[in-house]
Amino acid sequence: MILVVDYDAAWPARFEQLRHVYAAAMLAARVPVVSIEHVGSTAVPGLAAKPVLDCDIVVAEPDVAAASDVLAGLGFTPLGELGIPLRWAFKEPERLAPTNTYVVVQGSLSLRNHLAVRDILRVDAGLRDQYAAVKRRVGAVADGIDEYGRGKNAMVQRILATAGLTAAERAAIDANQVPSHDEVPR
């Protein structure tokens, strides 16, 4: 079973706290940041979600290593791309949990995927509510996070299509070879 909870109005404030920590650390290290984005279901008012904030630290490709070093300095453990090109994942230190924090290359399909899902669900209440129902149904029976992800995939593909991603882009996202959480504990 995967815990999916009602939207929590405190999530945006928690994200702002994280954004401040990340931005201050990047600024202190003189790492240029394009933006720091609240993505994922907790970024969509009214959407049921796992109570884990997803944060994308968006940088130009030449700045990925420096941004990753800053996160390591904050206590994050680098996990690599985990099968998603131009998106590097990190395991957060306990004091910043629970979050999924990524360094993402500006303009990448990974970033466009995250922003497309967030942005279309913020404006399409019907689609948001359908997605919430799928998340709750799948979460109640999933035998782990990998099964949960697979169970939501058709709905996510529908969201991406509604958001305007092309069939080729959606196929590329669907083809990502993400390792199992059993292979790479997060």
N, C-alpha and C. Protein backbone atom coordinates (compact mmCIF):
# COMPACT_ATOMS: atom_id res chain seq x y z
N MET A 1 0.84 -1.19 0.00
CA MET A 1 0.00 0.00 0.00
C MET A 1 0.89 1.25 0.00
N ILE A 2 0.48 2.25 -0.74
CA ILE A 2 1.16 3.54 -0.80
C ILE A 2 0.23 4.58 -0.20
N LEU A 3 0.74 5.34 0.75
CA LEU A 3 -0.06 6.36 1.41
C LEU A 3 -0.31 7.53 0.46
N VAL A 4 -1.57 7.76 0.15
CA VAL A 4 -2.01 8.92 -0.63
C VAL A 4 -2.97 9.69 0.26
N VAL A 5 -2.67 10.96 0.49
CA VAL A 5 -3.46 11.76 1.43
C VAL A 5 -4.13 12.92 0.71
N ASP A 6 -5.12 13.52 1.37
CA ASP A 6 -5.74 14.73 0.84
C ASP A 6 -4.70 15.84 0.72
N TYR A 7 -4.94 16.77 -0.17
CA TYR A 7 -4.06 17.92 -0.34
C TYR A 7 -3.88 18.63 0.99
N ASP A 8 -2.66 19.04 1.27
CA ASP A 8 -2.34 19.75 2.51
C ASP A 8 -1.95 21.18 2.17
N ALA A 9 -2.70 22.14 2.66
CA ALA A 9 -2.45 23.55 2.36
C ALA A 9 -1.10 24.02 2.88
N ALA A 10 -0.43 23.24 3.72
CA ALA A 10 0.90 23.60 4.22
C ALA A 10 2.02 23.26 3.23
N TRP A 11 1.72 22.47 2.21
CA TRP A 11 2.77 22.07 1.27
C TRP A 11 3.45 23.24 0.56
N PRO A 12 2.72 24.25 0.08
CA PRO A 12 3.42 25.37 -0.57
C PRO A 12 4.40 26.09 0.36
N ALA A 13 4.04 26.27 1.61
CA ALA A 13 4.94 26.93 2.57
C ALA A 13 6.18 26.07 2.82
N ARG A 14 5.98 24.75 2.90
CA ARG A 14 7.12 23.85 3.08
C ARG A 14 8.04 23.93 1.86
N PHE A 15 7.45 24.00 0.67
CA PHE A 15 8.28 24.14 -0.52
C PHE A 15 9.07 25.45 -0.48
N GLU A 16 8.44 26.53 -0.06
CA GLU A 16 9.15 27.81 0.01
C GLU A 16 10.33 27.74 0.97
N GLN A 17 10.18 26.99 2.05
CA GLN A 17 11.31 26.78 2.97
C GLN A 17 12.45 26.04 2.26
N LEU A 18 12.09 24.99 1.53
CA LEU A 18 13.10 24.23 0.78
C LEU A 18 13.75 25.12 -0.29
N ARG A 19 12.92 25.88 -1.00
CA ARG A 19 13.45 26.76 -2.04
C ARG A 19 14.48 27.72 -1.45
N HIS A 20 14.17 28.27 -0.28
CA HIS A 20 15.09 29.20 0.37
C HIS A 20 16.42 28.52 0.70
N VAL A 21 16.37 27.32 1.26
CA VAL A 21 17.59 26.58 1.60
C VAL A 21 18.41 26.33 0.34
N TYR A 22 17.75 25.83 -0.71
CA TYR A 22 18.46 25.50 -1.94
C TYR A 22 19.03 26.76 -2.61
N ALA A 23 18.22 27.80 -2.70
CA ALA A 23 18.66 29.03 -3.36
C ALA A 23 19.83 29.67 -2.62
N ALA A 24 19.76 29.71 -1.30
CA ALA A 24 20.84 30.31 -0.51
C ALA A 24 22.15 29.53 -0.70
N ALA A 25 22.05 28.21 -0.69
CA ALA A 25 23.25 27.39 -0.86
C ALA A 25 23.84 27.55 -2.27
N MET A 26 22.99 27.59 -3.27
CA MET A 26 23.47 27.76 -4.65
C MET A 26 24.10 29.14 -4.82
N LEU A 27 23.46 30.16 -4.25
CA LEU A 27 24.00 31.52 -4.34
C LEU A 27 25.36 31.61 -3.64
N ALA A 28 25.47 31.03 -2.46
CA ALA A 28 26.73 31.06 -1.71
C ALA A 28 27.86 30.39 -2.49
N ALA A 29 27.51 29.36 -3.26
CA ALA A 29 28.51 28.65 -4.07
C ALA A 29 28.66 29.24 -5.47
N ARG A 30 27.91 30.30 -5.73
CA ARG A 30 27.94 30.99 -7.04
C ARG A 30 27.55 30.06 -8.20
N VAL A 31 26.58 29.19 -7.92
CA VAL A 31 26.05 28.31 -8.96
C VAL A 31 24.81 28.99 -9.54
N PRO A 32 24.83 29.31 -10.84
CA PRO A 32 23.65 29.94 -11.43
C PRO A 32 22.49 28.96 -11.53
N VAL A 33 21.34 29.40 -11.08
CA VAL A 33 20.13 28.58 -11.10
C VAL A 33 19.10 29.29 -11.97
N VAL A 34 18.50 28.55 -12.88
CA VAL A 34 17.44 29.10 -13.73
C VAL A 34 16.17 29.29 -12.90
N SER A 35 15.79 28.25 -12.15
CA SER A 35 14.62 28.31 -11.28
C SER A 35 14.65 27.13 -10.33
N ILE A 36 13.83 27.22 -9.31
CA ILE A 36 13.61 26.10 -8.40
C ILE A 36 12.10 25.89 -8.40
N GLU A 37 11.68 24.75 -8.90
CA GLU A 37 10.27 24.49 -9.16
C GLU A 37 9.68 23.46 -8.20
N HIS A 38 8.49 23.76 -7.70
CA HIS A 38 7.69 22.80 -6.95
C HIS A 38 6.90 22.02 -8.00
N VAL A 39 7.18 20.74 -8.13
CA VAL A 39 6.52 19.89 -9.12
C VAL A 39 5.90 18.71 -8.41
N GLY A 40 5.29 17.84 -9.17
CA GLY A 40 4.64 16.68 -8.58
C GLY A 40 3.28 17.04 -8.00
N SER A 41 2.63 16.06 -7.44
CA SER A 41 1.25 16.22 -7.00
C SER A 41 1.09 17.21 -5.86
N THR A 42 2.09 17.35 -4.99
CA THR A 42 1.96 18.30 -3.88
C THR A 42 1.97 19.74 -4.37
N ALA A 43 2.31 19.96 -5.64
CA ALA A 43 2.34 21.30 -6.21
C ALA A 43 1.00 21.69 -6.84
N VAL A 44 0.02 20.81 -6.76
CA VAL A 44 -1.28 21.04 -7.39
C VAL A 44 -2.35 21.19 -6.31
N PRO A 45 -2.82 22.41 -6.07
CA PRO A 45 -3.86 22.60 -5.05
C PRO A 45 -5.06 21.69 -5.31
N GLY A 46 -5.48 20.99 -4.25
CA GLY A 46 -6.64 20.12 -4.34
C GLY A 46 -6.35 18.69 -4.75
N LEU A 47 -5.10 18.38 -5.11
CA LEU A 47 -4.78 17.04 -5.60
C LEU A 47 -4.29 16.16 -4.45
N ALA A 48 -4.87 14.99 -4.32
CA ALA A 48 -4.37 14.01 -3.37
C ALA A 48 -2.96 13.61 -3.78
N ALA A 49 -2.12 13.31 -2.78
CA ALA A 49 -0.72 13.03 -3.09
C ALA A 49 -0.07 12.20 -2.00
N LYS A 50 1.06 11.59 -2.36
CA LYS A 50 1.94 11.08 -1.33
C LYS A 50 2.50 12.32 -0.64
N PRO A 51 2.66 12.32 0.67
CA PRO A 51 3.12 13.52 1.37
C PRO A 51 4.64 13.72 1.28
N VAL A 52 5.12 13.80 0.05
CA VAL A 52 6.55 13.99 -0.25
C VAL A 52 6.63 15.07 -1.32
N LEU A 53 7.34 16.16 -1.03
CA LEU A 53 7.45 17.26 -1.99
C LEU A 53 8.50 16.96 -3.04
N ASP A 54 8.17 17.24 -4.29
CA ASP A 54 9.11 17.10 -5.40
C ASP A 54 9.62 18.48 -5.78
N CYS A 55 10.95 18.62 -5.84
CA CYS A 55 11.59 19.89 -6.14
C CYS A 55 12.57 19.71 -7.30
N ASP A 56 12.46 20.53 -8.31
CA ASP A 56 13.41 20.55 -9.43
C ASP A 56 14.27 21.79 -9.32
N ILE A 57 15.56 21.61 -9.20
CA ILE A 57 16.51 22.72 -9.26
C ILE A 57 16.98 22.75 -10.71
N VAL A 58 16.55 23.77 -11.43
CA VAL A 58 16.78 23.85 -12.87
C VAL A 58 18.04 24.66 -13.14
N VAL A 59 18.96 24.04 -13.89
CA VAL A 59 20.22 24.69 -14.22
C VAL A 59 20.55 24.43 -15.69
N ALA A 60 21.48 25.23 -16.23
CA ALA A 60 22.03 24.95 -17.55
C ALA A 60 22.90 23.70 -17.44
N GLU A 61 23.02 22.96 -18.52
CA GLU A 61 23.75 21.68 -18.47
C GLU A 61 25.18 21.81 -17.91
N PRO A 62 25.93 22.86 -18.25
CA PRO A 62 27.29 22.96 -17.70
C PRO A 62 27.33 23.15 -16.18
N ASP A 63 26.21 23.48 -15.56
CA ASP A 63 26.17 23.74 -14.12
C ASP A 63 25.67 22.57 -13.29
N VAL A 64 25.41 21.43 -13.94
CA VAL A 64 24.87 20.27 -13.22
C VAL A 64 25.83 19.80 -12.13
N ALA A 65 27.10 19.64 -12.46
CA ALA A 65 28.06 19.12 -11.47
C ALA A 65 28.17 20.06 -10.27
N ALA A 66 28.25 21.36 -10.53
CA ALA A 66 28.36 22.32 -9.42
C ALA A 66 27.12 22.30 -8.55
N ALA A 67 25.93 22.25 -9.17
CA ALA A 67 24.69 22.20 -8.39
C ALA A 67 24.62 20.91 -7.58
N SER A 68 25.06 19.81 -8.17
CA SER A 68 25.07 18.53 -7.45
C SER A 68 26.02 18.58 -6.26
N ASP A 69 27.16 19.24 -6.44
CA ASP A 69 28.11 19.38 -5.34
C ASP A 69 27.51 20.19 -4.19
N VAL A 70 26.74 21.21 -4.52
CA VAL A 70 26.10 22.02 -3.48
C VAL A 70 25.12 21.15 -2.68
N LEU A 71 24.32 20.34 -3.38
CA LEU A 71 23.39 19.46 -2.66
C LEU A 71 24.14 18.46 -1.79
N ALA A 72 25.24 17.93 -2.30
CA ALA A 72 26.04 17.01 -1.49
C ALA A 72 26.54 17.73 -0.23
N GLY A 73 26.90 19.00 -0.37
CA GLY A 73 27.34 19.78 0.77
C GLY A 73 26.24 20.01 1.80
N LEU A 74 24.99 19.95 1.35
CA LEU A 74 23.85 20.07 2.26
C LEU A 74 23.48 18.74 2.90
N GLY A 75 24.19 17.68 2.52
CA GLY A 75 23.93 16.37 3.10
C GLY A 75 23.16 15.41 2.22
N PHE A 76 22.87 15.80 0.98
CA PHE A 76 22.18 14.92 0.05
C PHE A 76 23.13 13.85 -0.48
N THR A 77 22.59 12.68 -0.76
CA THR A 77 23.35 11.60 -1.38
C THR A 77 22.97 11.53 -2.85
N PRO A 78 23.93 11.68 -3.77
CA PRO A 78 23.60 11.60 -5.19
C PRO A 78 23.24 10.17 -5.59
N LEU A 79 22.18 10.06 -6.39
CA LEU A 79 21.70 8.77 -6.88
C LEU A 79 21.87 8.61 -8.38
N GLY A 80 22.27 9.68 -9.08
CA GLY A 80 22.43 9.61 -10.53
C GLY A 80 21.13 9.90 -11.26
N GLU A 81 21.16 9.63 -12.55
CA GLU A 81 19.98 9.92 -13.40
C GLU A 81 18.83 8.95 -13.16
N LEU A 82 19.12 7.77 -12.69
CA LEU A 82 18.09 6.75 -12.44
C LEU A 82 17.20 6.53 -13.66
N GLY A 83 17.83 6.48 -14.82
CA GLY A 83 17.11 6.14 -16.04
C GLY A 83 16.37 7.28 -16.70
N ILE A 84 16.45 8.47 -16.16
CA ILE A 84 15.75 9.62 -16.75
C ILE A 84 16.80 10.63 -17.19
N PRO A 85 16.99 10.77 -18.51
CA PRO A 85 18.06 11.63 -19.01
C PRO A 85 17.92 13.09 -18.55
N LEU A 86 19.06 13.66 -18.20
CA LEU A 86 19.19 15.07 -17.85
C LEU A 86 18.43 15.45 -16.57
N ARG A 87 18.23 14.44 -15.69
CA ARG A 87 17.62 14.67 -14.38
C ARG A 87 18.35 13.81 -13.36
N TRP A 88 19.01 14.47 -12.40
CA TRP A 88 19.78 13.76 -11.39
C TRP A 88 19.01 13.78 -10.07
N ALA A 89 18.88 12.61 -9.45
CA ALA A 89 18.12 12.46 -8.22
C ALA A 89 19.07 12.44 -7.02
N PHE A 90 18.52 12.79 -5.86
CA PHE A 90 19.28 12.85 -4.62
C PHE A 90 18.43 12.33 -3.48
N LYS A 91 19.06 11.62 -2.56
CA LYS A 91 18.40 11.20 -1.31
C LYS A 91 18.64 12.30 -0.30
N GLU A 92 17.56 12.82 0.26
CA GLU A 92 17.66 13.96 1.16
C GLU A 92 18.16 13.58 2.53
N PRO A 93 18.81 14.53 3.21
CA PRO A 93 19.15 14.29 4.62
C PRO A 93 17.88 14.37 5.45
N GLU A 94 17.88 13.75 6.59
CA GLU A 94 16.68 13.68 7.44
C GLU A 94 16.08 15.06 7.72
N ARG A 95 16.92 16.08 7.92
CA ARG A 95 16.39 17.40 8.28
C ARG A 95 15.60 18.06 7.14
N LEU A 96 15.75 17.56 5.92
CA LEU A 96 15.02 18.12 4.77
C LEU A 96 13.97 17.16 4.24
N ALA A 97 13.72 16.09 4.94
CA ALA A 97 12.74 15.09 4.50
C ALA A 97 11.32 15.57 4.84
N PRO A 98 10.32 15.08 4.16
CA PRO A 98 10.41 14.20 3.00
C PRO A 98 10.35 14.99 1.69
N THR A 99 11.31 14.74 0.86
CA THR A 99 11.33 15.39 -0.45
C THR A 99 12.03 14.51 -1.47
N ASN A 100 11.65 14.68 -2.72
CA ASN A 100 12.39 14.16 -3.86
C ASN A 100 13.00 15.38 -4.53
N THR A 101 14.30 15.52 -4.44
CA THR A 101 14.97 16.69 -4.99
C THR A 101 15.81 16.27 -6.19
N TYR A 102 15.69 17.05 -7.26
CA TYR A 102 16.38 16.75 -8.51
C TYR A 102 17.12 17.97 -9.01
N VAL A 103 18.24 17.73 -9.68
CA VAL A 103 18.89 18.75 -10.51
C VAL A 103 18.50 18.39 -11.94
N VAL A 104 17.88 19.36 -12.63
CA VAL A 104 17.31 19.10 -13.95
C VAL A 104 17.84 20.14 -14.93
N VAL A 105 18.17 19.68 -16.12
CA VAL A 105 18.69 20.57 -17.15
C VAL A 105 17.56 21.39 -17.78
N GLN A 106 17.81 22.68 -17.85
CA GLN A 106 16.85 23.61 -18.47
C GLN A 106 16.47 23.12 -19.86
N GLY A 107 15.16 23.10 -20.15
CA GLY A 107 14.66 22.73 -21.47
C GLY A 107 14.56 21.24 -21.71
N SER A 108 15.02 20.41 -20.79
CA SER A 108 15.01 18.96 -21.00
C SER A 108 13.58 18.41 -21.00
N LEU A 109 13.44 17.25 -21.61
CA LEU A 109 12.13 16.60 -21.62
C LEU A 109 11.70 16.24 -20.20
N SER A 110 12.63 15.89 -19.35
CA SER A 110 12.29 15.59 -17.96
C SER A 110 11.64 16.79 -17.28
N LEU A 111 12.23 17.96 -17.46
CA LEU A 111 11.65 19.17 -16.88
C LEU A 111 10.30 19.48 -17.52
N ARG A 112 10.23 19.39 -18.83
CA ARG A 112 8.96 19.68 -19.51
C ARG A 112 7.86 18.72 -19.05
N ASN A 113 8.22 17.47 -18.79
CA ASN A 113 7.28 16.48 -18.26
C ASN A 113 6.75 16.96 -16.91
N HIS A 114 7.65 17.29 -15.99
CA HIS A 114 7.23 17.73 -14.65
C HIS A 114 6.33 18.96 -14.71
N LEU A 115 6.75 19.95 -15.49
CA LEU A 115 5.98 21.20 -15.56
C LEU A 115 4.64 21.00 -16.26
N ALA A 116 4.62 20.17 -17.29
CA ALA A 116 3.37 19.92 -18.03
C ALA A 116 2.32 19.28 -17.13
N VAL A 117 2.72 18.26 -16.38
CA VAL A 117 1.77 17.60 -15.48
C VAL A 117 1.27 18.60 -14.44
N ARG A 118 2.18 19.29 -13.79
CA ARG A 118 1.78 20.26 -12.76
C ARG A 118 0.84 21.31 -13.34
N ASP A 119 1.24 21.91 -14.44
CA ASP A 119 0.50 23.06 -14.97
C ASP A 119 -0.88 22.68 -15.50
N ILE A 120 -1.01 21.53 -16.19
CA ILE A 120 -2.33 21.16 -16.71
C ILE A 120 -3.26 20.77 -15.56
N LEU A 121 -2.72 20.11 -14.53
CA LEU A 121 -3.58 19.72 -13.40
C LEU A 121 -4.00 20.92 -12.56
N ARG A 122 -3.22 21.99 -12.59
CA ARG A 122 -3.61 23.20 -11.87
C ARG A 122 -4.79 23.90 -12.53
N VAL A 123 -4.96 23.72 -13.82
CA VAL A 123 -6.03 24.44 -14.53
C VAL A 123 -7.20 23.55 -14.94
N ASP A 124 -7.03 22.23 -14.90
CA ASP A 124 -8.09 21.31 -15.33
C ASP A 124 -8.55 20.49 -14.12
N ALA A 125 -9.57 21.00 -13.42
CA ALA A 125 -10.05 20.35 -12.20
C ALA A 125 -10.59 18.95 -12.47
N GLY A 126 -11.22 18.75 -13.60
CA GLY A 126 -11.76 17.42 -13.92
C GLY A 126 -10.64 16.40 -14.06
N LEU A 127 -9.60 16.76 -14.80
CA LEU A 127 -8.46 15.86 -14.98
C LEU A 127 -7.75 15.64 -13.64
N ARG A 128 -7.62 16.69 -12.85
CA ARG A 128 -7.01 16.58 -11.52
C ARG A 128 -7.77 15.58 -10.66
N ASP A 129 -9.09 15.68 -10.66
CA ASP A 129 -9.90 14.78 -9.83
C ASP A 129 -9.84 13.34 -10.34
N GLN A 130 -9.78 13.15 -11.66
CA GLN A 130 -9.62 11.81 -12.21
C GLN A 130 -8.28 11.21 -11.79
N TYR A 131 -7.24 12.04 -11.84
CA TYR A 131 -5.92 11.57 -11.44
C TYR A 131 -5.91 11.21 -9.96
N ALA A 132 -6.53 12.03 -9.13
CA ALA A 132 -6.60 11.75 -7.70
C ALA A 132 -7.28 10.40 -7.46
N ALA A 133 -8.36 10.13 -8.19
CA ALA A 133 -9.07 8.85 -8.01
C ALA A 133 -8.16 7.67 -8.39
N VAL A 134 -7.42 7.82 -9.49
CA VAL A 134 -6.49 6.76 -9.90
C VAL A 134 -5.42 6.57 -8.83
N LYS A 135 -4.85 7.66 -8.34
CA LYS A 135 -3.81 7.57 -7.31
C LYS A 135 -4.32 6.86 -6.06
N ARG A 136 -5.50 7.21 -5.63
CA ARG A 136 -6.07 6.57 -4.44
C ARG A 136 -6.34 5.08 -4.67
N ARG A 137 -6.93 4.78 -5.81
CA ARG A 137 -7.26 3.38 -6.12
C ARG A 137 -5.99 2.53 -6.22
N VAL A 138 -5.02 3.01 -6.97
CA VAL A 138 -3.78 2.26 -7.16
C VAL A 138 -2.98 2.19 -5.86
N GLY A 139 -2.91 3.32 -5.15
CA GLY A 139 -2.16 3.34 -3.89
C GLY A 139 -2.70 2.36 -2.87
N ALA A 140 -4.02 2.16 -2.86
CA ALA A 140 -4.64 1.27 -1.88
C ALA A 140 -4.27 -0.20 -2.09
N VAL A 141 -3.87 -0.56 -3.31
CA VAL A 141 -3.59 -1.97 -3.59
C VAL A 141 -2.16 -2.22 -4.04
N ALA A 142 -1.40 -1.19 -4.30
CA ALA A 142 -0.03 -1.36 -4.82
C ALA A 142 0.85 -2.05 -3.79
N ASP A 143 1.68 -2.93 -4.30
CA ASP A 143 2.61 -3.68 -3.46
C ASP A 143 3.97 -3.00 -3.46
N GLY A 144 3.97 -1.67 -3.45
CA GLY A 144 5.22 -0.91 -3.44
C GLY A 144 5.17 0.23 -4.44
N ILE A 145 6.18 1.09 -4.37
CA ILE A 145 6.19 2.31 -5.19
C ILE A 145 6.32 2.00 -6.68
N ASP A 146 7.02 0.94 -7.03
CA ASP A 146 7.17 0.60 -8.45
C ASP A 146 5.81 0.22 -9.05
N GLU A 147 5.06 -0.61 -8.35
CA GLU A 147 3.73 -1.01 -8.81
C GLU A 147 2.80 0.19 -8.85
N TYR A 148 2.93 1.07 -7.88
CA TYR A 148 2.14 2.31 -7.86
C TYR A 148 2.40 3.13 -9.11
N GLY A 149 3.65 3.29 -9.46
CA GLY A 149 4.00 4.05 -10.67
C GLY A 149 3.43 3.42 -11.93
N ARG A 150 3.56 2.10 -12.03
CA ARG A 150 3.01 1.41 -13.21
C ARG A 150 1.50 1.56 -13.28
N GLY A 151 0.86 1.51 -12.13
CA GLY A 151 -0.60 1.60 -12.09
C GLY A 151 -1.14 2.96 -12.50
N LYS A 152 -0.32 4.00 -12.36
CA LYS A 152 -0.74 5.36 -12.74
C LYS A 152 -0.33 5.71 -14.17
N ASN A 153 0.47 4.89 -14.80
CA ASN A 153 1.11 5.26 -16.06
C ASN A 153 0.12 5.67 -17.16
N ALA A 154 -0.93 4.92 -17.35
CA ALA A 154 -1.88 5.25 -18.43
C ALA A 154 -2.50 6.63 -18.18
N MET A 155 -2.82 6.93 -16.94
CA MET A 155 -3.39 8.23 -16.62
C MET A 155 -2.36 9.34 -16.83
N VAL A 156 -1.12 9.10 -16.43
CA VAL A 156 -0.07 10.09 -16.64
C VAL A 156 0.12 10.35 -18.13
N GLN A 157 0.08 9.31 -18.92
CA GLN A 157 0.21 9.49 -20.37
C GLN A 157 -0.95 10.34 -20.92
N ARG A 158 -2.14 10.12 -20.39
CA ARG A 158 -3.30 10.93 -20.80
C ARG A 158 -3.11 12.40 -20.39
N ILE A 159 -2.59 12.62 -19.19
CA ILE A 159 -2.32 13.99 -18.72
C ILE A 159 -1.30 14.66 -19.63
N LEU A 160 -0.25 13.96 -19.97
CA LEU A 160 0.79 14.53 -20.84
C LEU A 160 0.24 14.86 -22.22
N ALA A 161 -0.63 14.00 -22.73
CA ALA A 161 -1.25 14.27 -24.04
C ALA A 161 -2.12 15.52 -23.96
N THR A 162 -2.90 15.62 -22.90
CA THR A 162 -3.75 16.80 -22.71
C THR A 162 -2.91 18.06 -22.58
N ALA A 163 -1.74 17.93 -21.96
CA ALA A 163 -0.85 19.08 -21.77
C ALA A 163 -0.11 19.47 -23.05
N GLY A 164 -0.24 18.66 -24.10
CA GLY A 164 0.34 19.02 -25.39
C GLY A 164 1.66 18.36 -25.74
N LEU A 165 2.13 17.42 -24.94
CA LEU A 165 3.34 16.73 -25.33
C LEU A 165 3.03 15.82 -26.52
N THR A 166 3.96 15.74 -27.44
CA THR A 166 3.76 14.95 -28.66
C THR A 166 3.78 13.46 -28.34
N ALA A 167 3.31 12.67 -29.29
CA ALA A 167 3.35 11.22 -29.12
C ALA A 167 4.79 10.74 -28.96
N ALA A 168 5.72 11.34 -29.70
CA ALA A 168 7.13 10.96 -29.58
C ALA A 168 7.68 11.31 -28.20
N GLU A 169 7.32 12.47 -27.67
CA GLU A 169 7.78 12.86 -26.34
C GLU A 169 7.20 11.93 -25.28
N ARG A 170 5.92 11.62 -25.41
CA ARG A 170 5.29 10.72 -24.44
C ARG A 170 5.90 9.33 -24.51
N ALA A 171 6.22 8.88 -25.72
CA ALA A 171 6.85 7.57 -25.88
C ALA A 171 8.25 7.57 -25.26
N ALA A 172 8.98 8.65 -25.42
CA ALA A 172 10.32 8.74 -24.81
C ALA A 172 10.22 8.70 -23.29
N ILE A 173 9.25 9.40 -22.73
CA ILE A 173 9.05 9.39 -21.27
C ILE A 173 8.68 7.98 -20.81
N ASP A 174 7.79 7.34 -21.55
CA ASP A 174 7.33 5.99 -21.20
C ASP A 174 8.46 4.97 -21.31
N ALA A 175 9.41 5.23 -22.19
CA ALA A 175 10.51 4.28 -22.42
C ALA A 175 11.66 4.43 -21.44
N ASN A 176 11.64 5.44 -20.58
CA ASN A 176 12.72 5.61 -19.60
C ASN A 176 12.89 4.32 -18.81
N GLN A 177 14.12 3.91 -18.62
CA GLN A 177 14.44 2.68 -17.90
C GLN A 177 14.78 3.00 -16.45
N VAL A 178 13.76 3.30 -15.67
CA VAL A 178 13.94 3.66 -14.26
C VAL A 178 14.18 2.38 -13.47
N PRO A 179 15.29 2.33 -12.70
CA PRO A 179 15.52 1.12 -11.90
C PRO A 179 14.49 0.98 -10.79
N SER A 180 14.26 -0.25 -10.41
CA SER A 180 13.35 -0.54 -9.31
C SER A 180 13.85 0.08 -8.02
N HIS A 181 12.93 0.44 -7.15
CA HIS A 181 13.32 0.95 -5.83
C HIS A 181 14.06 -0.13 -5.04
N ASP A 182 13.85 -1.40 -5.39
CA ASP A 182 14.60 -2.48 -4.74
C ASP A 182 16.06 -2.44 -5.17
N GLU A 183 16.30 -1.99 -6.41
CA GLU A 183 17.68 -1.91 -6.95
C GLU A 183 18.41 -0.68 -6.42
N VAL A 184 17.70 0.43 -6.26
CA VAL A 184 18.29 1.67 -5.81
C VAL A 184 17.39 2.25 -4.72
N PRO A 185 17.62 1.89 -3.48
CA PRO A 185 16.78 2.43 -2.41
C PRO A 185 16.85 3.96 -2.37
N ARG A 186 15.69 4.59 -2.23
CA ARG A 186 15.66 6.05 -2.19
C ARG A 186 15.08 6.52 -0.90
